Amino acid sequence: MARNNEQQNISDVLKDFVKKNKLEKGLNKVNVKEVWNAQMGPAIAKYTDEIQLNEKTLYVSLSSSVLREELSYGKSKIITMINNELGEELGEELVNKLVLR
């Protein structure tokens, strides 16, 4: 087996591996859950039952109707915040719609 003399950054190698094996969707679903919990904080994460990313729509199930109502006023800000956090890694907009249940 011949050794490739080119030096590559480990993150570039991993990105290539993910693209070649079409793993982006699964990783995006994991990343968006982590970003939601990190950006929204432990108080909101405590009331978050489920997070699903389907196409470019983020579905978030909340156990508090009061919190759901409060968050509904800031949907566009939440979408921007999540995309900014994930966009650094992906270079694209991952979420364009937020549905709070």
Protein backbone atom coordinates (compact mmCIF):
# COMPACT_ATOMS: atom_id res chain seq x y z
CA MET A 1 0.00 0.00 0.00
CA ALA A 2 1.53 3.28 -1.11
CA ARG A 3 1.68 6.11 1.34
CA ASN A 4 0.28 9.48 0.35
CA ASN A 5 2.96 12.16 0.85
CA GLU A 6 0.43 14.97 1.01
CA GLN A 7 -0.20 16.32 4.46
CA GLN A 8 -3.82 16.96 5.33
CA ASN A 9 -5.49 18.47 8.33
CA ILE A 10 -7.42 15.84 10.32
CA SER A 11 -10.63 17.90 10.13
CA ASP A 12 -10.35 17.97 6.31
CA VAL A 13 -9.86 14.21 6.22
CA LEU A 14 -12.93 13.70 8.44
CA LYS A 15 -15.05 16.07 6.32
CA ASP A 16 -14.05 14.17 3.18
CA PHE A 17 -14.92 10.87 4.88
CA VAL A 18 -18.34 12.18 5.93
CA LYS A 19 -19.09 13.47 2.41
CA LYS A 20 -17.92 10.31 0.65
CA ASN A 21 -20.02 8.12 2.93
CA LYS A 22 -23.06 10.44 2.86
CA LEU A 23 -23.21 10.82 6.64
CA GLU A 24 -24.07 14.55 6.73
CA LYS A 25 -27.78 14.16 7.52
CA GLY A 26 -27.20 11.98 10.57
CA LEU A 27 -24.47 14.22 11.90
CA ASN A 28 -26.59 17.33 11.33
CA LYS A 29 -29.37 15.81 13.42
CA VAL A 30 -26.97 15.17 16.28
CA ASN A 31 -25.32 18.58 15.95
CA VAL A 32 -28.59 20.50 15.95
CA LYS A 33 -29.63 18.85 19.23
CA GLU A 34 -26.31 19.79 20.82
CA VAL A 35 -26.55 23.35 19.53
CA TRP A 36 -30.15 23.72 20.76
CA ASN A 37 -29.21 22.62 24.27
CA ALA A 38 -26.04 24.73 24.35
CA GLN A 39 -27.58 27.90 22.91
CA MET A 40 -30.92 27.76 24.73
CA GLY A 41 -29.38 26.88 28.08
CA PRO A 42 -30.24 24.32 30.75
CA ALA A 43 -33.52 25.97 31.78
CA ILE A 44 -35.05 25.54 28.32
CA ALA A 45 -33.30 22.22 27.69
CA LYS A 46 -35.06 20.88 30.79
CA TYR A 47 -38.46 21.48 29.14
CA THR A 48 -37.35 20.18 25.73
CA ASP A 49 -38.76 16.70 25.13
CA GLU A 50 -37.73 16.03 21.55
CA ILE A 51 -35.80 17.69 18.73
CA GLN A 52 -36.08 16.54 15.13
CA LEU A 53 -34.54 17.93 11.98
CA ASN A 54 -36.45 17.00 8.84
CA GLU A 55 -35.15 18.55 5.64
CA LYS A 56 -34.65 22.18 6.74
CA THR A 57 -37.43 22.25 9.34
CA LEU A 58 -36.57 21.93 13.02
CA TYR A 59 -39.33 20.41 15.15
CA VAL A 60 -39.03 21.00 18.89
CA SER A 61 -41.42 19.41 21.39
CA LEU A 62 -41.70 21.32 24.65
CA SER A 63 -43.41 20.20 27.86
CA SER A 64 -44.35 23.77 28.84
CA SER A 65 -47.05 25.60 26.89
CA VAL A 66 -45.97 28.90 28.46
CA LEU A 67 -42.38 28.41 27.27
CA ARG A 68 -43.63 27.38 23.82
CA GLU A 69 -45.59 30.63 23.58
CA GLU A 70 -42.60 32.72 24.74
CA LEU A 71 -40.21 31.06 22.29
CA SER A 72 -42.65 31.46 19.40
CA TYR A 73 -42.05 35.24 19.52
CA GLY A 74 -38.35 34.74 18.83
CA LYS A 75 -38.44 32.03 16.16
CA SER A 76 -36.43 33.97 13.59
CA LYS A 77 -33.77 34.83 16.17
CA ILE A 78 -33.53 31.17 17.23
CA ILE A 79 -33.21 30.03 13.60
CA THR A 80 -30.45 32.59 12.98
CA MET A 81 -28.63 31.58 16.16
CA ILE A 82 -28.70 27.87 15.28
CA ASN A 83 -27.63 28.49 11.69
CA ASN A 84 -24.78 30.75 12.80
CA GLU A 85 -23.51 28.09 15.17
CA LEU A 86 -23.82 25.24 12.67
CA GLY A 87 -22.92 27.34 9.64
CA GLU A 88 -19.35 27.69 10.81
CA GLU A 89 -18.94 23.95 10.42
CA LEU A 90 -21.15 23.39 7.37
CA GLY A 91 -20.93 26.60 5.39
CA GLU A 92 -24.66 26.49 4.65
CA GLU A 93 -28.04 27.22 6.21
CA LEU A 94 -29.31 24.07 7.89
CA VAL A 95 -32.62 25.34 9.34
CA ASN A 96 -35.10 27.67 7.65
CA LYS A 97 -38.24 26.86 9.66
CA LEU A 98 -38.89 26.22 13.36
CA VAL A 99 -42.00 24.38 14.55
CA LEU A 100 -42.65 24.41 18.29
CA ARG A 101 -44.99 21.69 19.57
